[in-house]
Amino acid sequence: MPNREPLPNRRDTTRQRVTIGGHRLFVDVSQYEDGRVGEVFISVEKTGGELRATMDVAARLVSVGL
């Protein structure tokens, strides 16, 4: 099992706004100092709990996979 490298307390984060099927999403990508992607967050604006939970799980899976 690989060692987990924690992200620094201060890190570069990029936020992208995306609209899919009329739903507005915000994708936040945090990076290590050398530019590698460290974690991904997906926020859904003005939506129900099911879609928000699904996006949260998807983002966690991507972050763990990194």
Protein backbone atom coordinates (compact mmCIF):
# COMPACT_ATOMS: atom_id res chain seq x y z
CA MET A 1 0.00 0.00 0.00
CA PRO A 2 1.48 3.38 -0.98
CA ASN A 3 2.25 6.03 1.62
CA ARG A 4 -0.18 8.92 1.72
CA GLU A 5 1.50 12.27 1.27
CA PRO A 6 -0.50 15.01 3.02
CA LEU A 7 -1.19 18.22 1.17
CA PRO A 8 0.46 21.36 2.54
CA ASN A 9 -1.73 23.66 4.65
CA ARG A 10 -1.42 26.38 1.98
CA ARG A 11 -1.87 25.03 -1.53
CA ASP A 12 -2.91 26.11 -5.00
CA THR A 13 -6.54 25.38 -5.75
CA THR A 14 -8.33 25.88 -9.06
CA ARG A 15 -12.12 26.27 -9.21
CA GLN A 16 -14.04 25.61 -12.40
CA ARG A 17 -17.76 26.24 -12.85
CA VAL A 18 -19.53 23.69 -15.06
CA THR A 19 -23.17 23.35 -16.11
CA ILE A 20 -24.43 19.84 -16.89
CA GLY A 21 -28.08 19.17 -17.64
CA GLY A 22 -29.12 22.47 -16.11
CA HIS A 23 -27.25 21.79 -12.85
CA ARG A 24 -24.41 24.11 -11.90
CA LEU A 25 -21.35 22.34 -10.50
CA PHE A 26 -18.13 23.69 -9.05
CA VAL A 27 -15.04 21.51 -9.39
CA ASP A 28 -12.16 22.39 -7.02
CA VAL A 29 -8.77 20.81 -7.67
CA SER A 30 -5.99 21.19 -5.06
CA GLN A 31 -2.38 20.63 -6.02
CA TYR A 32 0.92 19.79 -4.37
CA GLU A 33 3.75 22.32 -4.68
CA ASP A 34 5.19 20.44 -7.68
CA GLY A 35 1.87 20.67 -9.58
CA ARG A 36 0.55 17.16 -8.98
CA VAL A 37 -3.19 16.91 -8.30
CA GLY A 38 -3.82 16.05 -4.66
CA GLU A 39 -7.59 16.18 -4.17
CA VAL A 40 -10.80 16.96 -6.02
CA PHE A 41 -14.04 18.40 -4.65
CA ILE A 42 -17.32 18.67 -6.54
CA SER A 43 -19.97 21.05 -5.21
CA VAL A 44 -23.50 21.10 -6.61
CA GLU A 45 -25.47 24.33 -6.38
CA LYS A 46 -29.18 24.37 -5.51
CA THR A 47 -29.91 20.68 -5.73
CA GLY A 48 -31.30 17.81 -3.70
CA GLY A 49 -29.40 15.59 -1.31
CA GLU A 50 -29.18 12.58 -3.62
CA LEU A 51 -27.26 14.35 -6.38
CA ARG A 52 -25.06 16.17 -3.89
CA ALA A 53 -24.20 12.90 -2.13
CA THR A 54 -23.43 11.19 -5.44
CA MET A 55 -21.08 13.99 -6.49
CA ASP A 56 -19.40 13.90 -3.08
CA VAL A 57 -18.74 10.16 -3.38
CA ALA A 58 -17.41 10.56 -6.92
CA ALA A 59 -15.00 13.31 -5.84
CA ARG A 60 -13.79 11.25 -2.88
CA LEU A 61 -13.13 8.27 -5.14
CA VAL A 62 -11.04 10.41 -7.47
CA SER A 63 -9.12 11.95 -4.56
CA VAL A 64 -8.37 8.56 -2.99
CA GLY A 65 -7.30 7.22 -6.38
CA LEU A 66 -4.77 10.03 -6.73
